[in-house]
């Protein structure tokens, strides 16, 4: 599988930096889903708390589109979280 991704990345002309950003976004979304699940909140319940429709939460969690900062905060704040900028390791 790793070999396939390397070939696809080459075909799509994705740089190492772009791949790093994709991974960062993917990790952020995974963390958001884990937070929601750890709190025992369904997508529908979270949508109600955030005053959005459930498909909005589903799209955000699917990672098919890059989430906007305001969208992330709209979901994270009701869960008791925020975003913070920290140096990369």
PDB file of N, CA and C in Angstrom:
ATOM      1  N   UNK A   1       0.822  -1.200   0.000  1.00  0.00           N
ATOM      2  CA  UNK A   1       0.000   0.000   0.000  1.00  0.00           C
ATOM      3  C   UNK A   1       0.862   1.260   0.000  1.00  0.00           C
ATOM      4  N   UNK A   2       1.940   1.270   0.798  1.00  0.00           N
ATOM      5  CA  UNK A   2       2.810   2.441   0.847  1.00  0.00           C
ATOM      6  C   UNK A   2       3.398   2.730  -0.531  1.00  0.00           C
ATOM      7  N   UNK A   3       3.732   1.681  -1.244  1.00  0.00           N
ATOM      8  CA  UNK A   3       4.278   1.858  -2.589  1.00  0.00           C
ATOM      9  C   UNK A   3       3.234   2.481  -3.511  1.00  0.00           C
ATOM     10  N   UNK A   4       2.002   2.036  -3.396  1.00  0.00           N
ATOM     11  CA  UNK A   4       0.923   2.593  -4.211  1.00  0.00           C
ATOM     12  C   UNK A   4       0.764   4.085  -3.941  1.00  0.00           C
ATOM     13  N   UNK A   5       0.821   4.486  -2.655  1.00  0.00           N
ATOM     14  CA  UNK A   5       0.669   5.901  -2.316  1.00  0.00           C
ATOM     15  C   UNK A   5       1.812   6.707  -2.918  1.00  0.00           C
ATOM     16  N   UNK A   6       3.023   6.190  -2.860  1.00  0.00           N
ATOM     17  CA  UNK A   6       4.159   6.908  -3.440  1.00  0.00           C
ATOM     18  C   UNK A   6       3.954   7.128  -4.934  1.00  0.00           C
ATOM     19  N   UNK A   7       3.433   6.117  -5.601  1.00  0.00           N
ATOM     20  CA  UNK A   7       3.168   6.245  -7.035  1.00  0.00           C
ATOM     21  C   UNK A   7       2.063   7.264  -7.301  1.00  0.00           C
ATOM     22  N   UNK A   8       0.994   7.198  -6.510  1.00  0.00           N
ATOM     23  CA  UNK A   8      -0.112   8.140  -6.665  1.00  0.00           C
ATOM     24  C   UNK A   8       0.352   9.556  -6.373  1.00  0.00           C
ATOM     25  N   UNK A   9       1.123   9.717  -5.314  1.00  0.00           N
ATOM     26  CA  UNK A   9       1.638  11.045  -4.955  1.00  0.00           C
ATOM     27  C   UNK A   9       2.457  11.616  -6.104  1.00  0.00           C
ATOM     28  N   UNK A  10       3.249  10.762  -6.730  1.00  0.00           N
ATOM     29  CA  UNK A  10       4.076  11.205  -7.860  1.00  0.00           C
ATOM     30  C   UNK A  10       3.186  11.618  -9.039  1.00  0.00           C
ATOM     31  N   UNK A  11       2.160  10.798  -9.315  1.00  0.00           N
ATOM     32  CA  UNK A  11       1.230  11.115 -10.409  1.00  0.00           C
ATOM     33  C   UNK A  11       0.494  12.434 -10.160  1.00  0.00           C
ATOM     34  N   UNK A  12       0.097  12.661  -8.911  1.00  0.00           N
ATOM     35  CA  UNK A  12      -0.636  13.885  -8.561  1.00  0.00           C
ATOM     36  C   UNK A  12       0.291  15.069  -8.329  1.00  0.00           C
ATOM     37  N   UNK A  13       1.593  14.787  -8.330  1.00  0.00           N
ATOM     38  CA  UNK A  13       2.601  15.820  -8.126  1.00  0.00           C
ATOM     39  C   UNK A  13       2.428  16.497  -6.758  1.00  0.00           C
ATOM     40  N   UNK A  14       2.212  15.666  -5.720  1.00  0.00           N
ATOM     41  CA  UNK A  14       2.059  16.173  -4.356  1.00  0.00           C
ATOM     42  C   UNK A  14       3.440  16.233  -3.718  1.00  0.00           C
ATOM     43  N   UNK A  15       3.796  17.407  -3.261  1.00  0.00           N
ATOM     44  CA  UNK A  15       5.105  17.581  -2.635  1.00  0.00           C
ATOM     45  C   UNK A  15       5.084  17.008  -1.215  1.00  0.00           C
ATOM     46  N   UNK A  16       6.255  16.842  -0.660  1.00  0.00           N
ATOM     47  CA  UNK A  16       6.383  16.358   0.708  1.00  0.00           C
ATOM     48  C   UNK A  16       5.699  17.349   1.662  1.00  0.00           C
ATOM     49  N   UNK A  17       5.831  18.634   1.389  1.00  0.00           N
ATOM     50  CA  UNK A  17       5.204  19.657   2.227  1.00  0.00           C
ATOM     51  C   UNK A  17       3.687  19.567   2.156  1.00  0.00           C
ATOM     52  N   UNK A  18       3.143  19.375   0.957  1.00  0.00           N
ATOM     53  CA  UNK A  18       1.700  19.230   0.799  1.00  0.00           C
ATOM     54  C   UNK A  18       1.203  17.977   1.502  1.00  0.00           C
ATOM     55  N   UNK A  19       1.961  16.905   1.391  1.00  0.00           N
ATOM     56  CA  UNK A  19       1.593  15.662   2.062  1.00  0.00           C
ATOM     57  C   UNK A  19       1.582  15.858   3.577  1.00  0.00           C
ATOM     58  N   UNK A  20       2.522  16.635   4.073  1.00  0.00           N
ATOM     59  CA  UNK A  20       2.579  16.927   5.503  1.00  0.00           C
ATOM     60  C   UNK A  20       1.340  17.697   5.955  1.00  0.00           C
ATOM     61  N   UNK A  21       0.909  18.645   5.142  1.00  0.00           N
ATOM     62  CA  UNK A  21      -0.293  19.420   5.472  1.00  0.00           C
ATOM     63  C   UNK A  21      -1.546  18.543   5.436  1.00  0.00           C
ATOM     64  N   UNK A  22      -1.602  17.653   4.478  1.00  0.00           N
ATOM     65  CA  UNK A  22      -2.734  16.722   4.384  1.00  0.00           C
ATOM     66  C   UNK A  22      -2.785  15.852   5.635  1.00  0.00           C
ATOM     67  N   UNK A  23      -1.643  15.357   6.074  1.00  0.00           N
ATOM     68  CA  UNK A  23      -1.584  14.523   7.277  1.00  0.00           C
ATOM     69  C   UNK A  23      -2.011  15.322   8.500  1.00  0.00           C
ATOM     70  N   UNK A  24      -1.559  16.549   8.601  1.00  0.00           N
ATOM     71  CA  UNK A  24      -1.922  17.408   9.732  1.00  0.00           C
ATOM     72  C   UNK A  24      -3.442  17.607   9.796  1.00  0.00           C
ATOM     73  N   UNK A  25      -4.044  17.886   8.646  1.00  0.00           N
ATOM     74  CA  UNK A  25      -5.493  18.070   8.586  1.00  0.00           C
ATOM     75  C   UNK A  25      -6.221  16.780   8.946  1.00  0.00           C
ATOM     76  N   UNK A  26      -5.735  15.676   8.432  1.00  0.00           N
ATOM     77  CA  UNK A  26      -6.337  14.364   8.714  1.00  0.00           C
ATOM     78  C   UNK A  26      -6.266  14.058  10.211  1.00  0.00           C
ATOM     79  N   UNK A  27      -5.125  14.333  10.822  1.00  0.00           N
ATOM     80  CA  UNK A  27      -4.959  14.108  12.257  1.00  0.00           C
ATOM     81  C   UNK A  27      -5.892  15.000  13.077  1.00  0.00           C
ATOM     82  N   UNK A  28      -6.066  16.230  12.650  1.00  0.00           N
ATOM     83  CA  UNK A  28      -6.968  17.157  13.339  1.00  0.00           C
ATOM     84  C   UNK A  28      -8.394  16.622  13.310  1.00  0.00           C
ATOM     85  N   UNK A  29      -8.827  16.177  12.151  1.00  0.00           N
ATOM     86  CA  UNK A  29     -10.194  15.658  12.008  1.00  0.00           C
ATOM     87  C   UNK A  29     -10.366  14.384  12.842  1.00  0.00           C
ATOM     88  N   UNK A  30      -9.373  13.498  12.812  1.00  0.00           N
ATOM     89  CA  UNK A  30      -9.441  12.277  13.628  1.00  0.00           C
ATOM     90  C   UNK A  30      -9.579  12.629  15.107  1.00  0.00           C
ATOM     91  N   UNK A  31      -8.827  13.621  15.545  1.00  0.00           N
ATOM     92  CA  UNK A  31      -8.883  14.049  16.940  1.00  0.00           C
ATOM     93  C   UNK A  31     -10.258  14.596  17.287  1.00  0.00           C
ATOM     94  N   UNK A  32     -10.841  15.385  16.376  1.00  0.00           N
ATOM     95  CA  UNK A  32     -12.179  15.929  16.618  1.00  0.00           C
ATOM     96  C   UNK A  32     -13.206  14.805  16.758  1.00  0.00           C
ATOM     97  N   UNK A  33     -13.125  13.808  15.901  1.00  0.00           N
ATOM     98  CA  UNK A  33     -14.054  12.671  15.961  1.00  0.00           C
ATOM     99  C   UNK A  33     -13.869  11.934  17.284  1.00  0.00           C
ATOM    100  N   UNK A  34     -12.608  11.715  17.682  1.00  0.00           N
ATOM    101  CA  UNK A  34     -12.331  11.018  18.940  1.00  0.00           C
ATOM    102  C   UNK A  34     -12.897  11.794  20.122  1.00  0.00           C
ATOM    103  N   UNK A  35     -12.728  13.100  20.135  1.00  0.00           N
ATOM    104  CA  UNK A  35     -13.269  13.927  21.219  1.00  0.00           C
ATOM    105  C   UNK A  35     -14.787  13.756  21.300  1.00  0.00           C
ATOM    106  N   UNK A  36     -15.449  13.844  20.152  1.00  0.00           N
ATOM    107  CA  UNK A  36     -16.909  13.702  20.133  1.00  0.00           C
ATOM    108  C   UNK A  36     -17.311  12.338  20.663  1.00  0.00           C
ATOM    109  N   UNK A  37     -16.654  11.299  20.160  1.00  0.00           N
ATOM    110  CA  UNK A  37     -16.987   9.941  20.580  1.00  0.00           C
ATOM    111  C   UNK A  37     -16.676   9.705  22.058  1.00  0.00           C
ATOM    112  N   UNK A  38     -15.540  10.232  22.540  1.00  0.00           N
ATOM    113  CA  UNK A  38     -15.179  10.076  23.954  1.00  0.00           C
ATOM    114  C   UNK A  38     -16.202  10.745  24.867  1.00  0.00           C
ATOM    115  N   UNK A  39     -16.811  11.804  24.386  1.00  0.00           N
ATOM    116  CA  UNK A  39     -17.835  12.502  25.168  1.00  0.00           C
ATOM    117  C   UNK A  39     -19.204  11.838  25.024  1.00  0.00           C
ATOM    118  N   UNK A  40     -19.283  10.809  24.186  1.00  0.00           N
ATOM    119  CA  UNK A  40     -20.540  10.082  24.012  1.00  0.00           C
ATOM    120  C   UNK A  40     -21.599  10.883  23.276  1.00  0.00           C
ATOM    121  N   UNK A  41     -21.155  11.749  22.372  1.00  0.00           N
ATOM    122  CA  UNK A  41     -22.068  12.621  21.629  1.00  0.00           C
ATOM    123  C   UNK A  41     -22.178  12.113  20.192  1.00  0.00           C
ATOM    124  N   UNK A  42     -23.393  11.975  19.701  1.00  0.00           N
ATOM    125  CA  UNK A  42     -23.587  11.573  18.306  1.00  0.00           C
ATOM    126  C   UNK A  42     -23.396  12.777  17.401  1.00  0.00           C
ATOM    127  N   UNK A  43     -23.261  12.512  16.113  1.00  0.00           N
ATOM    128  CA  UNK A  43     -23.179  13.618  15.153  1.00  0.00           C
ATOM    129  C   UNK A  43     -24.432  14.485  15.228  1.00  0.00           C
ATOM    130  N   UNK A  44     -25.588  13.857  15.355  1.00  0.00           N
ATOM    131  CA  UNK A  44     -26.853  14.606  15.419  1.00  0.00           C
ATOM    132  C   UNK A  44     -26.907  15.482  16.665  1.00  0.00           C
ATOM    133  N   UNK A  45     -26.457  14.946  17.788  1.00  0.00           N
ATOM    134  CA  UNK A  45     -26.451  15.736  19.028  1.00  0.00           C
ATOM    135  C   UNK A  45     -25.480  16.904  18.924  1.00  0.00           C
ATOM    136  N   UNK A  46     -24.311  16.649  18.360  1.00  0.00           N
ATOM    137  CA  UNK A  46     -23.327  17.715  18.192  1.00  0.00           C
ATOM    138  C   UNK A  46     -23.861  18.787  17.254  1.00  0.00           C
ATOM    139  N   UNK A  47     -24.510  18.358  16.195  1.00  0.00           N
ATOM    140  CA  UNK A  47     -25.087  19.315  15.247  1.00  0.00           C
ATOM    141  C   UNK A  47     -26.086  20.224  15.952  1.00  0.00           C
ATOM    142  N   UNK A  48     -26.909  19.653  16.814  1.00  0.00           N
ATOM    143  CA  UNK A  48     -27.898  20.450  17.543  1.00  0.00           C
ATOM    144  C   UNK A  48     -27.210  21.450  18.468  1.00  0.00           C
ATOM    145  N   UNK A  49     -26.187  20.986  19.182  1.00  0.00           N
ATOM    146  CA  UNK A  49     -25.433  21.864  20.091  1.00  0.00           C
ATOM    147  C   UNK A  49     -24.786  23.013  19.322  1.00  0.00           C
ATOM    148  N   UNK A  50     -24.269  22.707  18.118  1.00  0.00           N
ATOM    149  CA  UNK A  50     -23.546  23.700  17.303  1.00  0.00           C
ATOM    150  C   UNK A  50     -24.471  24.540  16.427  1.00  0.00           C
ATOM    151  N   UNK A  51     -25.762  24.195  16.440  1.00  0.00           N
ATOM    152  CA  UNK A  51     -26.747  24.903  15.631  1.00  0.00           C
ATOM    153  C   UNK A  51     -26.468  24.769  14.127  1.00  0.00           C
ATOM    154  N   UNK A  52     -26.124  23.547  13.733  1.00  0.00           N
ATOM    155  CA  UNK A  52     -25.951  23.217  12.317  1.00  0.00           C
ATOM    156  C   UNK A  52     -26.711  21.920  12.057  1.00  0.00           C
ATOM    157  N   UNK A  53     -26.815  21.540  10.817  1.00  0.00           N
ATOM    158  CA  UNK A  53     -27.475  20.283  10.472  1.00  0.00           C
ATOM    159  C   UNK A  53     -26.464  19.137  10.554  1.00  0.00           C
ATOM    160  N   UNK A  54     -26.945  17.930  10.826  1.00  0.00           N
ATOM    161  CA  UNK A  54     -26.083  16.773  10.992  1.00  0.00           C
ATOM    162  C   UNK A  54     -25.184  16.522   9.788  1.00  0.00           C
ATOM    163  N   UNK A  55     -25.663  16.708   8.540  1.00  0.00           N
ATOM    164  CA  UNK A  55     -24.761  16.489   7.401  1.00  0.00           C
ATOM    165  C   UNK A  55     -23.529  17.407   7.410  1.00  0.00           C
ATOM    166  N   UNK A  56     -23.639  18.560   8.043  1.00  0.00           N
ATOM    167  CA  UNK A  56     -22.484  19.459   8.154  1.00  0.00           C
ATOM    168  C   UNK A  56     -21.398  18.778   8.990  1.00  0.00           C
ATOM    169  N   UNK A  57     -21.806  18.166  10.092  1.00  0.00           N
ATOM    170  CA  UNK A  57     -20.852  17.453  10.945  1.00  0.00           C
ATOM    171  C   UNK A  57     -20.275  16.254  10.193  1.00  0.00           C
ATOM    172  N   UNK A  58     -21.129  15.527   9.495  1.00  0.00           N
ATOM    173  CA  UNK A  58     -20.675  14.356   8.733  1.00  0.00           C
ATOM    174  C   UNK A  58     -19.644  14.758   7.679  1.00  0.00           C
ATOM    175  N   UNK A  59     -19.900  15.843   6.958  1.00  0.00           N
ATOM    176  CA  UNK A  59     -18.944  16.302   5.931  1.00  0.00           C
ATOM    177  C   UNK A  59     -17.629  16.726   6.574  1.00  0.00           C
ATOM    178  N   UNK A  60     -17.719  17.413   7.692  1.00  0.00           N
ATOM    179  CA  UNK A  60     -16.515  17.853   8.394  1.00  0.00           C
ATOM    180  C   UNK A  60     -15.687  16.642   8.830  1.00  0.00           C
ATOM    181  N   UNK A  61     -16.365  15.645   9.386  1.00  0.00           N
ATOM    182  CA  UNK A  61     -15.660  14.462   9.876  1.00  0.00           C
ATOM    183  C   UNK A  61     -15.159  13.552   8.761  1.00  0.00           C
ATOM    184  N   UNK A  62     -15.752  13.646   7.593  1.00  0.00           N
ATOM    185  CA  UNK A  62     -15.318  12.780   6.486  1.00  0.00           C
ATOM    186  C   UNK A  62     -13.987  13.235   5.900  1.00  0.00           C
ATOM    187  N   UNK A  63     -13.667  14.507   6.076  1.00  0.00           N
ATOM    188  CA  UNK A  63     -12.411  15.021   5.569  1.00  0.00           C
ATOM    189  C   UNK A  63     -12.368  15.201   4.061  1.00  0.00           C
ATOM    190  N   UNK A  64     -13.534  15.215   3.424  1.00  0.00           N
ATOM    191  CA  UNK A  64     -13.549  15.373   1.970  1.00  0.00           C
ATOM    192  C   UNK A  64     -13.247  16.799   1.539  1.00  0.00           C
ATOM    193  N   UNK A  65     -13.460  17.744   2.445  1.00  0.00           N
ATOM    194  CA  UNK A  65     -13.153  19.148   2.179  1.00  0.00           C
ATOM    195  C   UNK A  65     -12.324  19.691   3.334  1.00  0.00           C
ATOM    196  N   UNK A  66     -11.470  20.633   3.047  1.00  0.00           N
ATOM    197  CA  UNK A  66     -10.695  21.265   4.113  1.00  0.00           C
ATOM    198  C   UNK A  66     -11.625  22.138   4.950  1.00  0.00           C
ATOM    199  N   UNK A  67     -11.681  21.884   6.249  1.00  0.00           N
ATOM    200  CA  UNK A  67     -12.565  22.690   7.095  1.00  0.00           C
ATOM    201  C   UNK A  67     -12.016  24.096   7.300  1.00  0.00           C
ATOM    202  N   UNK A  68     -12.915  25.034   7.392  1.00  0.00           N
ATOM    203  CA  UNK A  68     -12.522  26.409   7.689  1.00  0.00           C
ATOM    204  C   UNK A  68     -12.314  26.537   9.194  1.00  0.00           C
ATOM    205  N   UNK A  69     -11.500  27.491   9.592  1.00  0.00           N
ATOM    206  CA  UNK A  69     -11.205  27.684  11.004  1.00  0.00           C
ATOM    207  C   UNK A  69     -12.485  27.961  11.786  1.00  0.00           C
ATOM    208  N   UNK A  70     -13.366  28.794  11.251  1.00  0.00           N
ATOM    209  CA  UNK A  70     -14.597  29.099  11.987  1.00  0.00           C
ATOM    210  C   UNK A  70     -15.476  27.863  12.132  1.00  0.00           C
ATOM    211  N   UNK A  71     -15.448  26.971  11.151  1.00  0.00           N
ATOM    212  CA  UNK A  71     -16.208  25.727  11.252  1.00  0.00           C
ATOM    213  C   UNK A  71     -15.629  24.828  12.340  1.00  0.00           C
ATOM    214  N   UNK A  72     -14.313  24.746  12.387  1.00  0.00           N
ATOM    215  CA  UNK A  72     -13.663  23.947  13.424  1.00  0.00           C
ATOM    216  C   UNK A  72     -14.017  24.464  14.810  1.00  0.00           C
ATOM    217  N   UNK A  73     -13.936  25.773  14.978  1.00  0.00           N
ATOM    218  CA  UNK A  73     -14.232  26.362  16.283  1.00  0.00           C
ATOM    219  C   UNK A  73     -15.699  26.190  16.655  1.00  0.00           C
ATOM    220  N   UNK A  74     -16.572  26.267  15.669  1.00  0.00           N
ATOM    221  CA  UNK A  74     -18.007  26.107  15.921  1.00  0.00           C
ATOM    222  C   UNK A  74     -18.304  24.729  16.500  1.00  0.00           C
ATOM    223  N   UNK A  75     -17.487  23.744  16.162  1.00  0.00           N
ATOM    224  CA  UNK A  75     -17.660  22.386  16.661  1.00  0.00           C
ATOM    225  C   UNK A  75     -16.844  22.165  17.938  1.00  0.00           C
ATOM    226  N   UNK A  76     -15.618  22.643  17.969  1.00  0.00           N
ATOM    227  CA  UNK A  76     -14.738  22.382  19.104  1.00  0.00           C
ATOM    228  C   UNK A  76     -15.171  23.098  20.386  1.00  0.00           C
ATOM    229  N   UNK A  77     -15.579  24.343  20.285  1.00  0.00           N
ATOM    230  CA  UNK A  77     -15.908  25.124  21.481  1.00  0.00           C
ATOM    231  C   UNK A  77     -17.028  24.476  22.296  1.00  0.00           C
ATOM    232  N   UNK A  78     -18.143  24.043  21.680  1.00  0.00           N
ATOM    233  CA  UNK A  78     -19.175  23.380  22.478  1.00  0.00           C
ATOM    234  C   UNK A  78     -18.703  22.066  23.122  1.00  0.00           C
ATOM    235  N   UNK A  79     -17.659  21.471  22.575  1.00  0.00           N
ATOM    236  CA  UNK A  79     -17.097  20.248  23.149  1.00  0.00           C
ATOM    237  C   UNK A  79     -16.088  20.560  24.251  1.00  0.00           C
ATOM    238  N   UNK A  80     -15.823  21.866  24.462  1.00  0.00           N
ATOM    239  CA  UNK A  80     -14.887  22.279  25.506  1.00  0.00           C
ATOM    240  C   UNK A  80     -13.452  22.396  25.046  1.00  0.00           C
ATOM    241  N   UNK A  81     -13.246  22.558  23.740  1.00  0.00           N
ATOM    242  CA  UNK A  81     -11.900  22.655  23.167  1.00  0.00           C
ATOM    243  C   UNK A  81     -11.767  23.908  22.310  1.00  0.00           C
ATOM    244  N   UNK A  82     -10.542  24.217  21.953  1.00  0.00           N
ATOM    245  CA  UNK A  82     -10.251  25.312  21.034  1.00  0.00           C
ATOM    246  C   UNK A  82      -9.046  24.912  20.195  1.00  0.00           C
ATOM    247  N   UNK A  83      -8.640  25.785  19.315  1.00  0.00           N
ATOM    248  CA  UNK A  83      -7.425  25.564  18.521  1.00  0.00           C
ATOM    249  C   UNK A  83      -6.298  26.381  19.146  1.00  0.00           C
ATOM    250  N   UNK A  84      -5.094  25.871  18.993  1.00  0.00           N
ATOM    251  CA  UNK A  84      -3.934  26.577  19.497  1.00  0.00           C
ATOM    252  C   UNK A  84      -2.803  26.398  18.501  1.00  0.00           C
ATOM    253  N   UNK A  85      -2.054  27.434  18.278  1.00  0.00           N
ATOM    254  CA  UNK A  85      -0.906  27.359  17.377  1.00  0.00           C
ATOM    255  C   UNK A  85       0.326  27.058  18.226  1.00  0.00           C
ATOM    256  N   UNK A  86       0.990  25.960  17.877  1.00  0.00           N
ATOM    257  CA  UNK A  86       2.183  25.555  18.600  1.00  0.00           C
ATOM    258  C   UNK A  86       3.274  25.219  17.600  1.00  0.00           C
ATOM    259  N   UNK A  87       4.530  25.325  18.019  1.00  0.00           N
ATOM    260  CA  UNK A  87       5.621  24.975  17.113  1.00  0.00           C
ATOM    261  C   UNK A  87       5.562  23.503  16.743  1.00  0.00           C
ATOM    262  N   UNK A  88       5.934  23.202  15.517  1.00  0.00           N
ATOM    263  CA  UNK A  88       5.998  21.799  15.078  1.00  0.00           C
ATOM    264  C   UNK A  88       7.239  21.164  15.673  1.00  0.00           C
ATOM    265  N   UNK A  89       7.155  19.870  15.893  1.00  0.00           N
ATOM    266  CA  UNK A  89       8.305  19.145  16.459  1.00  0.00           C
ATOM    267  C   UNK A  89       9.253  18.752  15.376  1.00  0.00           C
TER     268      UNK A  89
END
